[in-house]
Amino acid sequence: MNRRISKLIAFFALVFISFSTMAQEPPPPPDNPSSFGGTNGPVGGGAPVGSGLVILLSLGAAYGGKKIYDLRSQNREI
């Protein structure tokens, strides 16, 4: 019973702490979005997303291949 009460108190403490915290406001947008940082890029910047996607997909394929290899090697040992 004591453990249940302590978990309940911890839960409510975390919930109320999360309500009281606030993030900073975002910075104001630039006056002229076409001249962002001296380049003609978008307002949010030009972060490359495509290369990260390729890395993520290749790591997922390697993980799946390893799992299939492990399953097949276990079936041969039995």
PDB file of N, CA and C in Angstrom:
ATOM      1  N   MET A   1       0.819  -1.187   0.000  1.00  0.00           N
ATOM      2  CA  MET A   1       0.000   0.000   0.000  1.00  0.00           C
ATOM      3  C   MET A   1       0.869   1.259   0.000  1.00  0.00           C
ATOM      4  N   ASN A   2       1.937   1.225   0.778  1.00  0.00           N
ATOM      5  CA  ASN A   2       2.831   2.372   0.857  1.00  0.00           C
ATOM      6  C   ASN A   2       3.509   2.616  -0.490  1.00  0.00           C
ATOM      7  N   ARG A   3       3.855   1.543  -1.187  1.00  0.00           N
ATOM      8  CA  ARG A   3       4.504   1.677  -2.497  1.00  0.00           C
ATOM      9  C   ARG A   3       3.544   2.292  -3.512  1.00  0.00           C
ATOM     10  N   ARG A   4       2.289   1.914  -3.439  1.00  0.00           N
ATOM     11  CA  ARG A   4       1.284   2.447  -4.360  1.00  0.00           C
ATOM     12  C   ARG A   4       1.103   3.950  -4.132  1.00  0.00           C
ATOM     13  N   ILE A   5       1.079   4.366  -2.885  1.00  0.00           N
ATOM     14  CA  ILE A   5       0.919   5.784  -2.576  1.00  0.00           C
ATOM     15  C   ILE A   5       2.129   6.579  -3.061  1.00  0.00           C
ATOM     16  N   SER A   6       3.326   6.038  -2.871  1.00  0.00           N
ATOM     17  CA  SER A   6       4.521   6.756  -3.320  1.00  0.00           C
ATOM     18  C   SER A   6       4.558   6.858  -4.849  1.00  0.00           C
ATOM     19  N   LYS A   7       4.124   5.828  -5.557  1.00  0.00           N
ATOM     20  CA  LYS A   7       4.048   5.909  -7.021  1.00  0.00           C
ATOM     21  C   LYS A   7       3.009   6.935  -7.461  1.00  0.00           C
ATOM     22  N   LEU A   8       1.896   6.997  -6.755  1.00  0.00           N
ATOM     23  CA  LEU A   8       0.856   7.954  -7.086  1.00  0.00           C
ATOM     24  C   LEU A   8       1.324   9.385  -6.857  1.00  0.00           C
ATOM     25  N   ILE A   9       2.028   9.611  -5.767  1.00  0.00           N
ATOM     26  CA  ILE A   9       2.566  10.943  -5.482  1.00  0.00           C
ATOM     27  C   ILE A   9       3.600  11.333  -6.533  1.00  0.00           C
ATOM     28  N   ALA A  10       4.465  10.391  -6.913  1.00  0.00           N
ATOM     29  CA  ALA A  10       5.475  10.680  -7.929  1.00  0.00           C
ATOM     30  C   ALA A  10       4.827  10.997  -9.277  1.00  0.00           C
ATOM     31  N   PHE A  11       3.777  10.266  -9.621  1.00  0.00           N
ATOM     32  CA  PHE A  11       3.077  10.511 -10.883  1.00  0.00           C
ATOM     33  C   PHE A  11       2.485  11.908 -10.919  1.00  0.00           C
ATOM     34  N   PHE A  12       1.766  12.281  -9.871  1.00  0.00           N
ATOM     35  CA  PHE A  12       1.146  13.604  -9.848  1.00  0.00           C
ATOM     36  C   PHE A  12       2.198  14.712  -9.786  1.00  0.00           C
ATOM     37  N   ALA A  13       3.307  14.465  -9.120  1.00  0.00           N
ATOM     38  CA  ALA A  13       4.370  15.464  -9.077  1.00  0.00           C
ATOM     39  C   ALA A  13       4.927  15.698 -10.479  1.00  0.00           C
ATOM     40  N   LEU A  14       5.158  14.635 -11.235  1.00  0.00           N
ATOM     41  CA  LEU A  14       5.671  14.785 -12.597  1.00  0.00           C
ATOM     42  C   LEU A  14       4.668  15.472 -13.515  1.00  0.00           C
ATOM     43  N   VAL A  15       3.381  15.161 -13.336  1.00  0.00           N
ATOM     44  CA  VAL A  15       2.352  15.790 -14.165  1.00  0.00           C
ATOM     45  C   VAL A  15       2.286  17.284 -13.876  1.00  0.00           C
ATOM     46  N   PHE A  16       2.294  17.676 -12.609  1.00  0.00           N
ATOM     47  CA  PHE A  16       2.196  19.092 -12.278  1.00  0.00           C
ATOM     48  C   PHE A  16       3.469  19.849 -12.626  1.00  0.00           C
ATOM     49  N   ILE A  17       4.618  19.201 -12.552  1.00  0.00           N
ATOM     50  CA  ILE A  17       5.864  19.854 -12.955  1.00  0.00           C
ATOM     51  C   ILE A  17       5.842  20.120 -14.459  1.00  0.00           C
ATOM     52  N   SER A  18       5.307  19.176 -15.233  1.00  0.00           N
ATOM     53  CA  SER A  18       5.277  19.375 -16.682  1.00  0.00           C
ATOM     54  C   SER A  18       4.318  20.500 -17.072  1.00  0.00           C
ATOM     55  N   PHE A  19       3.282  20.734 -16.285  1.00  0.00           N
ATOM     56  CA  PHE A  19       2.380  21.844 -16.577  1.00  0.00           C
ATOM     57  C   PHE A  19       3.018  23.193 -16.276  1.00  0.00           C
ATOM     58  N   SER A  20       3.913  23.230 -15.312  1.00  0.00           N
ATOM     59  CA  SER A  20       4.480  24.506 -14.911  1.00  0.00           C
ATOM     60  C   SER A  20       5.685  24.919 -15.759  1.00  0.00           C
ATOM     61  N   THR A  21       6.284  24.002 -16.498  1.00  0.00           N
ATOM     62  CA  THR A  21       7.434  24.364 -17.327  1.00  0.00           C
ATOM     63  C   THR A  21       6.950  24.919 -18.664  1.00  0.00           C
ATOM     64  N   MET A  22       7.700  25.884 -19.172  1.00  0.00           N
ATOM     65  CA  MET A  22       7.334  26.490 -20.453  1.00  0.00           C
ATOM     66  C   MET A  22       8.581  26.653 -21.302  1.00  0.00           C
ATOM     67  N   ALA A  23       8.401  26.511 -22.597  1.00  0.00           N
ATOM     68  CA  ALA A  23       9.510  26.686 -23.524  1.00  0.00           C
ATOM     69  C   ALA A  23       9.646  28.163 -23.884  1.00  0.00           C
ATOM     70  N   GLN A  24      10.781  28.487 -24.481  1.00  0.00           N
ATOM     71  CA  GLN A  24      10.984  29.854 -24.927  1.00  0.00           C
ATOM     72  C   GLN A  24      10.159  30.113 -26.176  1.00  0.00           C
ATOM     73  N   GLU A  25       9.860  31.368 -26.397  1.00  0.00           N
ATOM     74  CA  GLU A  25       9.147  31.737 -27.613  1.00  0.00           C
ATOM     75  C   GLU A  25      10.108  31.653 -28.790  1.00  0.00           C
ATOM     76  N   PRO A  26       9.605  31.297 -29.983  1.00  0.00           N
ATOM     77  CA  PRO A  26      10.496  31.239 -31.147  1.00  0.00           C
ATOM     78  C   PRO A  26      10.969  32.633 -31.528  1.00  0.00           C
ATOM     79  N   PRO A  27      12.109  32.707 -32.195  1.00  0.00           N
ATOM     80  CA  PRO A  27      12.601  34.025 -32.609  1.00  0.00           C
ATOM     81  C   PRO A  27      11.700  34.614 -33.688  1.00  0.00           C
ATOM     82  N   PRO A  28      11.673  35.916 -33.807  1.00  0.00           N
ATOM     83  CA  PRO A  28      10.828  36.531 -34.837  1.00  0.00           C
ATOM     84  C   PRO A  28      11.365  36.201 -36.225  1.00  0.00           C
ATOM     85  N   PRO A  29      10.477  36.096 -37.203  1.00  0.00           N
ATOM     86  CA  PRO A  29      10.936  35.798 -38.563  1.00  0.00           C
ATOM     87  C   PRO A  29      11.705  36.974 -39.136  1.00  0.00           C
ATOM     88  N   PRO A  30      12.569  36.715 -40.098  1.00  0.00           N
ATOM     89  CA  PRO A  30      13.319  37.830 -40.709  1.00  0.00           C
ATOM     90  C   PRO A  30      12.387  38.737 -41.503  1.00  0.00           C
ATOM     91  N   ASP A  31      12.835  39.965 -41.685  1.00  0.00           N
ATOM     92  CA  ASP A  31      12.005  40.935 -42.405  1.00  0.00           C
ATOM     93  C   ASP A  31      11.791  40.531 -43.855  1.00  0.00           C
ATOM     94  N   ASN A  32      12.851  40.042 -44.493  1.00  0.00           N
ATOM     95  CA  ASN A  32      12.770  39.667 -45.890  1.00  0.00           C
ATOM     96  C   ASN A  32      13.188  38.200 -46.015  1.00  0.00           C
ATOM     97  N   PRO A  33      12.233  37.252 -46.110  1.00  0.00           N
ATOM     98  CA  PRO A  33      12.599  35.835 -46.154  1.00  0.00           C
ATOM     99  C   PRO A  33      13.473  35.450 -47.335  1.00  0.00           C
ATOM    100  N   SER A  34      13.424  36.209 -48.426  1.00  0.00           N
ATOM    101  CA  SER A  34      14.226  35.840 -49.586  1.00  0.00           C
ATOM    102  C   SER A  34      15.710  36.132 -49.369  1.00  0.00           C
ATOM    103  N   SER A  35      16.035  36.972 -48.385  1.00  0.00           N
ATOM    104  CA  SER A  35      17.447  37.266 -48.128  1.00  0.00           C
ATOM    105  C   SER A  35      17.853  36.713 -46.763  1.00  0.00           C
ATOM    106  N   PHE A  36      17.547  35.475 -46.498  1.00  0.00           N
ATOM    107  CA  PHE A  36      17.843  34.839 -45.214  1.00  0.00           C
ATOM    108  C   PHE A  36      19.327  34.526 -45.114  1.00  0.00           C
ATOM    109  N   GLY A  37      20.028  35.228 -44.268  1.00  0.00           N
ATOM    110  CA  GLY A  37      21.439  34.966 -44.061  1.00  0.00           C
ATOM    111  C   GLY A  37      22.304  35.298 -45.256  1.00  0.00           C
ATOM    112  N   GLY A  38      21.862  36.140 -46.118  1.00  0.00           N
ATOM    113  CA  GLY A  38      22.650  36.503 -47.283  1.00  0.00           C
ATOM    114  C   GLY A  38      22.459  35.557 -48.454  1.00  0.00           C
ATOM    115  N   THR A  39      21.701  34.473 -48.271  1.00  0.00           N
ATOM    116  CA  THR A  39      21.428  33.540 -49.361  1.00  0.00           C
ATOM    117  C   THR A  39      19.947  33.566 -49.676  1.00  0.00           C
ATOM    118  N   ASN A  40      19.572  32.989 -50.758  1.00  0.00           N
ATOM    119  CA  ASN A  40      18.164  32.949 -51.140  1.00  0.00           C
ATOM    120  C   ASN A  40      17.510  31.652 -50.688  1.00  0.00           C
ATOM    121  N   GLY A  41      17.690  31.294 -49.424  1.00  0.00           N
ATOM    122  CA  GLY A  41      17.125  30.064 -48.892  1.00  0.00           C
ATOM    123  C   GLY A  41      15.783  30.291 -48.219  1.00  0.00           C
ATOM    124  N   PRO A  42      15.141  29.230 -47.807  1.00  0.00           N
ATOM    125  CA  PRO A  42      13.850  29.365 -47.129  1.00  0.00           C
ATOM    126  C   PRO A  42      14.019  29.924 -45.716  1.00  0.00           C
ATOM    127  N   VAL A  43      12.906  30.245 -45.068  1.00  0.00           N
ATOM    128  CA  VAL A  43      12.939  30.857 -43.750  1.00  0.00           C
ATOM    129  C   VAL A  43      13.549  29.909 -42.728  1.00  0.00           C
ATOM    130  N   GLY A  44      13.223  28.633 -42.786  1.00  0.00           N
ATOM    131  CA  GLY A  44      13.711  27.670 -41.808  1.00  0.00           C
ATOM    132  C   GLY A  44      15.125  27.212 -42.048  1.00  0.00           C
ATOM    133  N   GLY A  45      15.741  27.617 -43.112  1.00  0.00           N
ATOM    134  CA  GLY A  45      17.084  27.172 -43.440  1.00  0.00           C
ATOM    135  C   GLY A  45      17.026  26.055 -44.467  1.00  0.00           C
ATOM    136  N   GLY A  46      18.153  25.576 -44.845  1.00  0.00           N
ATOM    137  CA  GLY A  46      18.202  24.544 -45.872  1.00  0.00           C
ATOM    138  C   GLY A  46      18.808  23.262 -45.349  1.00  0.00           C
ATOM    139  N   ALA A  47      18.245  22.680 -44.311  1.00  0.00           N
ATOM    140  CA  ALA A  47      18.780  21.455 -43.731  1.00  0.00           C
ATOM    141  C   ALA A  47      18.553  20.291 -44.688  1.00  0.00           C
ATOM    142  N   PRO A  48      19.596  19.511 -44.991  1.00  0.00           N
ATOM    143  CA  PRO A  48      19.434  18.377 -45.898  1.00  0.00           C
ATOM    144  C   PRO A  48      18.734  17.213 -45.190  1.00  0.00           C
ATOM    145  N   VAL A  49      17.572  16.848 -45.672  1.00  0.00           N
ATOM    146  CA  VAL A  49      16.807  15.763 -45.070  1.00  0.00           C
ATOM    147  C   VAL A  49      17.034  14.465 -45.838  1.00  0.00           C
ATOM    148  N   GLY A  50      17.320  14.546 -47.105  1.00  0.00           N
ATOM    149  CA  GLY A  50      17.440  13.361 -47.948  1.00  0.00           C
ATOM    150  C   GLY A  50      18.554  12.433 -47.526  1.00  0.00           C
ATOM    151  N   SER A  51      19.718  12.956 -47.146  1.00  0.00           N
ATOM    152  CA  SER A  51      20.823  12.086 -46.772  1.00  0.00           C
ATOM    153  C   SER A  51      20.535  11.366 -45.461  1.00  0.00           C
ATOM    154  N   GLY A  52      19.849  12.012 -44.543  1.00  0.00           N
ATOM    155  CA  GLY A  52      19.482  11.353 -43.293  1.00  0.00           C
ATOM    156  C   GLY A  52      18.497  10.228 -43.531  1.00  0.00           C
ATOM    157  N   LEU A  53      17.599  10.430 -44.487  1.00  0.00           N
ATOM    158  CA  LEU A  53      16.629   9.398 -44.820  1.00  0.00           C
ATOM    159  C   LEU A  53      17.320   8.185 -45.429  1.00  0.00           C
ATOM    160  N   VAL A  54      18.303   8.400 -46.267  1.00  0.00           N
ATOM    161  CA  VAL A  54      19.042   7.294 -46.878  1.00  0.00           C
ATOM    162  C   VAL A  54      19.793   6.504 -45.804  1.00  0.00           C
ATOM    163  N   ILE A  55      20.411   7.196 -44.870  1.00  0.00           N
ATOM    164  CA  ILE A  55      21.132   6.520 -43.789  1.00  0.00           C
ATOM    165  C   ILE A  55      20.163   5.708 -42.945  1.00  0.00           C
ATOM    166  N   LEU A  56      19.007   6.268 -42.611  1.00  0.00           N
ATOM    167  CA  LEU A  56      18.023   5.567 -41.807  1.00  0.00           C
ATOM    168  C   LEU A  56      17.514   4.313 -42.511  1.00  0.00           C
ATOM    169  N   LEU A  57      17.215   4.419 -43.791  1.00  0.00           N
ATOM    170  CA  LEU A  57      16.734   3.258 -44.536  1.00  0.00           C
ATOM    171  C   LEU A  57      17.802   2.177 -44.666  1.00  0.00           C
ATOM    172  N   SER A  58      19.060   2.572 -44.882  1.00  0.00           N
ATOM    173  CA  SER A  58      20.116   1.571 -45.009  1.00  0.00           C
ATOM    174  C   SER A  58      20.375   0.873 -43.672  1.00  0.00           C
ATOM    175  N   LEU A  59      20.333   1.601 -42.585  1.00  0.00           N
ATOM    176  CA  LEU A  59      20.505   0.961 -41.275  1.00  0.00           C
ATOM    177  C   LEU A  59      19.342   0.018 -40.960  1.00  0.00           C
ATOM    178  N   GLY A  60      18.129   0.396 -41.343  1.00  0.00           N
ATOM    179  CA  GLY A  60      16.975  -0.485 -41.150  1.00  0.00           C
ATOM    180  C   GLY A  60      17.092  -1.755 -41.982  1.00  0.00           C
ATOM    181  N   ALA A  61      17.563  -1.632 -43.219  1.00  0.00           N
ATOM    182  CA  ALA A  61      17.746  -2.811 -44.064  1.00  0.00           C
ATOM    183  C   ALA A  61      18.846  -3.717 -43.509  1.00  0.00           C
ATOM    184  N   ALA A  62      19.916  -3.126 -42.998  1.00  0.00           N
ATOM    185  CA  ALA A  62      20.987  -3.931 -42.408  1.00  0.00           C
ATOM    186  C   ALA A  62      20.495  -4.655 -41.162  1.00  0.00           C
ATOM    187  N   TYR A  63      19.706  -3.987 -40.340  1.00  0.00           N
ATOM    188  CA  TYR A  63      19.165  -4.614 -39.132  1.00  0.00           C
ATOM    189  C   TYR A  63      18.228  -5.761 -39.500  1.00  0.00           C
ATOM    190  N   GLY A  64      17.359  -5.545 -40.500  1.00  0.00           N
ATOM    191  CA  GLY A  64      16.461  -6.611 -40.944  1.00  0.00           C
ATOM    192  C   GLY A  64      17.222  -7.787 -41.526  1.00  0.00           C
ATOM    193  N   GLY A  65      18.269  -7.514 -42.296  1.00  0.00           N
ATOM    194  CA  GLY A  65      19.090  -8.587 -42.847  1.00  0.00           C
ATOM    195  C   GLY A  65      19.783  -9.391 -41.762  1.00  0.00           C
ATOM    196  N   LYS A  66      20.265  -8.717 -40.736  1.00  0.00           N
ATOM    197  CA  LYS A  66      20.910  -9.413 -39.613  1.00  0.00           C
ATOM    198  C   LYS A  66      19.913 -10.309 -38.883  1.00  0.00           C
ATOM    199  N   LYS A  67      18.687  -9.813 -38.688  1.00  0.00           N
ATOM    200  CA  LYS A  67      17.661 -10.617 -38.019  1.00  0.00           C
ATOM    201  C   LYS A  67      17.325 -11.861 -38.842  1.00  0.00           C
ATOM    202  N   ILE A  68      17.188 -11.709 -40.146  1.00  0.00           N
ATOM    203  CA  ILE A  68      16.887 -12.854 -41.010  1.00  0.00           C
ATOM    204  C   ILE A  68      18.043 -13.839 -40.987  1.00  0.00           C
ATOM    205  N   TYR A  69      19.279 -13.338 -41.036  1.00  0.00           N
ATOM    206  CA  TYR A  69      20.452 -14.205 -40.981  1.00  0.00           C
ATOM    207  C   TYR A  69      20.488 -14.998 -39.673  1.00  0.00           C
ATOM    208  N   ASP A  70      20.194 -14.336 -38.555  1.00  0.00           N
ATOM    209  CA  ASP A  70      20.200 -15.015 -37.261  1.00  0.00           C
ATOM    210  C   ASP A  70      19.116 -16.083 -37.190  1.00  0.00           C
ATOM    211  N   LEU A  71      17.928 -15.798 -37.723  1.00  0.00           N
ATOM    212  CA  LEU A  71      16.852 -16.782 -37.698  1.00  0.00           C
ATOM    213  C   LEU A  71      17.193 -17.995 -38.554  1.00  0.00           C
ATOM    214  N   ARG A  72      17.784 -17.765 -39.704  1.00  0.00           N
ATOM    215  CA  ARG A  72      18.157 -18.901 -40.561  1.00  0.00           C
ATOM    216  C   ARG A  72      19.282 -19.730 -39.954  1.00  0.00           C
ATOM    217  N   SER A  73      20.228 -19.080 -39.290  1.00  0.00           N
ATOM    218  CA  SER A  73      21.316 -19.836 -38.675  1.00  0.00           C
ATOM    219  C   SER A  73      20.816 -20.629 -37.479  1.00  0.00           C
ATOM    220  N   GLN A  74      19.810 -20.161 -36.779  1.00  0.00           N
ATOM    221  CA  GLN A  74      19.238 -20.921 -35.669  1.00  0.00           C
ATOM    222  C   GLN A  74      18.497 -22.146 -36.190  1.00  0.00           C
ATOM    223  N   ASN A  75      17.829 -22.028 -37.316  1.00  0.00           N
ATOM    224  CA  ASN A  75      17.100 -23.177 -37.879  1.00  0.00           C
ATOM    225  C   ASN A  75      18.073 -24.253 -38.357  1.00  0.00           C
ATOM    226  N   ARG A  76      19.251 -23.912 -38.824  1.00  0.00           N
ATOM    227  CA  ARG A  76      20.219 -24.893 -39.286  1.00  0.00           C
ATOM    228  C   ARG A  76      20.861 -25.637 -38.137  1.00  0.00           C
ATOM    229  N   GLU A  77      20.985 -24.999 -36.980  1.00  0.00           N
ATOM    230  CA  GLU A  77      21.602 -25.627 -35.829  1.00  0.00           C
ATOM    231  C   GLU A  77      20.694 -26.647 -35.170  1.00  0.00           C
ATOM    232  N   ILE A  78      19.391 -26.495 -35.319  1.00  0.00           N
ATOM    233  CA  ILE A  78      18.442 -27.394 -34.656  1.00  0.00           C
ATOM    234  C   ILE A  78      18.314 -28.677 -35.366  1.00  0.00           C
TER     235      ILE A  78
END
